Amino acid sequence: MTLLTALLFSACEKEGTKTVPQEQNHNRVVVLPEDGKTGSSTILVMDIGHQAKDCKGCITDGGQVFHIDCMGFGNYCRVSAAVSLNQFGTNITATTTDTFDLTSENFFLMPDRSLYFEDDNKDPFYLNIPEQLVYRDSTTLQFTFTGLYITNSPAYSND
């Protein structure tokens, strides 16, 4: 079953029938049911980032090293982003559809994350996003995360 098929089937479940394991409650894929106008929406929810006091310099830009809250390793901030998931063979990408929900910066330091979701049989899966520094597309202003993959157990510790 492809990722997109699994996500679409899970969107059709009756409200209130899914129970997310407690340890995955904050790092998950949420598929909102179709509303008849826009189709289903896919939301990535994750805890990321750390305080400046815990940072040795996370971002380097123009030779300058600095810290930005809510980017990179850690669990300091809860963020969410509406995305469009695309699968071409075994390559999976996620492109944001909400321009400034993650950040107003022109870049985003994505830590590695394993996001929990269930298929139509309530089998648990994880959408794994490897750590990456992504830049906004200059035309669409969206971020695209690449190298995503699916496993039956989390590939990352989400720290």
Protein backbone atom coordinates (compact mmCIF):
# COMPACT_ATOMS: atom_id res chain seq x y z
CA MET A 1 0.00 0.00 0.00
CA THR A 2 1.41 3.39 -0.90
CA LEU A 3 1.71 6.20 1.62
CA LEU A 4 -0.92 8.29 -0.10
CA THR A 5 -3.37 5.39 -0.19
CA ALA A 6 -2.79 4.67 3.50
CA LEU A 7 -3.32 8.30 4.43
CA LEU A 8 -6.46 8.62 2.34
CA PHE A 9 -7.98 5.48 3.84
CA SER A 10 -7.22 6.68 7.35
CA ALA A 11 -8.99 9.96 6.53
CA CYS A 12 -12.21 8.04 5.90
CA GLU A 13 -12.41 6.52 9.39
CA LYS A 14 -15.18 7.61 11.67
CA GLU A 15 -14.30 10.43 14.03
CA GLY A 16 -13.17 9.27 17.46
CA THR A 17 -12.20 5.72 16.42
CA LYS A 18 -8.43 6.21 16.41
CA THR A 19 -6.22 6.09 19.48
CA VAL A 20 -2.68 7.38 19.05
CA PRO A 21 -0.11 5.79 21.40
CA GLN A 22 0.84 8.26 24.12
CA GLU A 23 4.50 8.35 23.10
CA GLN A 24 3.50 9.36 19.56
CA ASN A 25 0.91 11.94 20.57
CA HIS A 26 3.14 14.89 19.68
CA ASN A 27 4.86 13.63 16.52
CA ARG A 28 2.24 12.45 14.08
CA VAL A 29 0.56 12.73 10.71
CA VAL A 30 -3.04 13.94 10.92
CA VAL A 31 -5.33 13.52 7.93
CA LEU A 32 -8.43 15.68 8.15
CA PRO A 33 -11.49 14.26 6.42
CA GLU A 34 -12.65 15.61 3.09
CA ASP A 35 -14.94 18.60 3.43
CA GLY A 36 -16.46 18.34 -0.05
CA LYS A 37 -14.67 21.47 -1.31
CA THR A 38 -10.94 21.05 -0.83
CA GLY A 39 -10.49 17.31 -0.28
CA SER A 40 -8.56 15.90 2.66
CA SER A 41 -5.75 17.83 4.30
CA THR A 42 -2.54 16.33 5.64
CA ILE A 43 -1.01 17.97 8.70
CA LEU A 44 2.40 17.15 10.16
CA VAL A 45 2.52 17.77 13.92
CA MET A 46 5.88 17.64 15.69
CA ASP A 47 7.84 18.84 18.68
CA ILE A 48 11.11 20.43 17.57
CA GLY A 49 13.67 23.04 18.57
CA HIS A 50 15.57 23.97 21.70
CA GLN A 51 16.42 27.03 23.78
CA ALA A 52 19.34 29.27 22.85
CA LYS A 53 21.19 28.29 26.07
CA ASP A 54 21.32 24.68 24.75
CA CYS A 55 22.63 25.70 21.33
CA LYS A 56 26.22 25.90 20.21
CA GLY A 57 25.20 27.62 16.99
CA CYS A 58 22.66 25.88 14.86
CA ILE A 59 22.44 27.93 11.70
CA THR A 60 25.31 29.32 9.67
CA ASP A 61 24.43 32.08 7.24
CA GLY A 62 26.97 34.28 5.52
CA GLY A 63 29.69 32.97 7.85
CA GLN A 64 27.70 33.97 10.96
CA VAL A 65 26.48 31.28 13.38
CA PHE A 66 23.24 31.91 15.29
CA HIS A 67 20.26 30.26 16.98
CA ILE A 68 16.57 30.38 16.04
CA ASP A 69 13.93 28.95 18.38
CA CYS A 70 11.70 26.21 16.97
CA MET A 71 14.23 24.83 14.51
CA GLY A 72 16.57 21.87 14.76
CA PHE A 73 16.96 19.20 17.44
CA GLY A 74 14.96 19.07 20.67
CA ASN A 75 11.31 19.27 21.72
CA TYR A 76 10.96 22.90 22.82
CA CYS A 77 8.19 23.96 20.40
CA ARG A 78 5.13 22.20 19.02
CA VAL A 79 4.69 23.08 15.36
CA SER A 80 2.37 21.94 12.62
CA ALA A 81 2.38 22.31 8.89
CA ALA A 82 -0.18 21.48 6.24
CA VAL A 83 1.56 19.58 3.46
CA SER A 84 1.00 17.95 0.14
CA LEU A 85 2.57 14.47 0.09
CA ASN A 86 3.83 13.19 -3.23
CA GLN A 87 5.18 9.77 -4.06
CA PHE A 88 7.12 9.00 -7.24
CA GLY A 89 8.18 5.35 -7.08
CA THR A 90 9.94 5.05 -3.75
CA ASN A 91 10.68 8.77 -3.47
CA ILE A 92 8.37 10.64 -1.09
CA THR A 93 8.33 14.42 -0.65
CA ALA A 94 6.26 16.78 1.48
CA THR A 95 5.64 20.35 0.31
CA THR A 96 4.10 22.84 2.69
CA THR A 97 0.83 24.42 1.66
CA ASP A 98 0.68 26.95 4.50
CA THR A 99 3.33 29.54 3.72
CA PHE A 100 4.36 30.81 7.16
CA ASP A 101 3.22 28.22 9.73
CA LEU A 102 6.69 26.74 10.29
CA THR A 103 8.64 30.00 10.14
CA SER A 104 8.76 33.39 8.51
CA GLU A 105 12.45 32.80 7.69
CA ASN A 106 13.53 31.85 4.17
CA PHE A 107 14.97 28.58 5.49
CA PHE A 108 13.97 25.86 7.94
CA LEU A 109 16.28 23.49 9.83
CA MET A 110 14.24 20.29 10.00
CA PRO A 111 15.45 17.78 12.58
CA ASP A 112 15.05 14.08 11.87
CA ARG A 113 11.57 12.99 12.92
CA SER A 114 9.41 9.85 12.82
CA LEU A 115 5.73 10.78 12.62
CA TYR A 116 3.11 8.23 13.64
CA PHE A 117 0.05 7.35 11.53
CA GLU A 118 -2.24 4.37 11.00
CA ASP A 119 -3.56 2.77 7.83
CA ASP A 120 -7.17 1.68 7.26
CA ASN A 121 -6.52 -1.55 9.23
CA LYS A 122 -5.22 0.49 12.21
CA ASP A 123 -1.72 -0.81 11.55
CA PRO A 124 0.86 1.69 12.84
CA PHE A 125 3.36 3.20 10.43
CA TYR A 126 5.88 5.99 10.65
CA LEU A 127 6.60 8.70 8.13
CA ASN A 128 10.32 9.35 8.61
CA ILE A 129 11.81 12.72 7.68
CA PRO A 130 15.61 12.90 7.69
CA GLU A 131 17.34 16.00 9.05
CA GLN A 132 17.68 18.68 6.39
CA LEU A 133 18.08 22.38 5.86
CA VAL A 134 15.44 23.50 3.36
CA TYR A 135 14.96 26.84 1.62
CA ARG A 136 11.75 28.42 0.42
CA ASP A 137 10.97 28.12 -3.24
CA SER A 138 11.38 31.65 -4.59
CA THR A 139 8.13 31.47 -6.57
CA THR A 140 5.72 29.53 -4.33
CA LEU A 141 7.36 30.47 -0.99
CA GLN A 142 6.85 26.87 0.16
CA PHE A 143 9.31 24.37 1.67
CA THR A 144 9.79 20.89 0.20
CA PHE A 145 11.17 18.10 2.38
CA THR A 146 12.82 15.23 0.51
CA GLY A 147 14.01 11.73 1.32
CA LEU A 148 10.92 10.78 3.34
CA TYR A 149 10.27 7.08 3.85
CA ILE A 150 7.86 4.75 5.64
CA THR A 151 8.69 2.11 8.26
CA ASN A 152 6.76 -0.08 10.71
CA SER A 153 8.67 1.36 13.67
CA PRO A 154 10.21 4.78 14.26
CA ALA A 155 13.57 5.33 12.56
CA TYR A 156 14.41 8.37 14.73
CA SER A 157 14.22 9.07 18.47
CA ASN A 158 12.62 12.51 17.93
CA ASP A 159 15.06 14.23 20.32
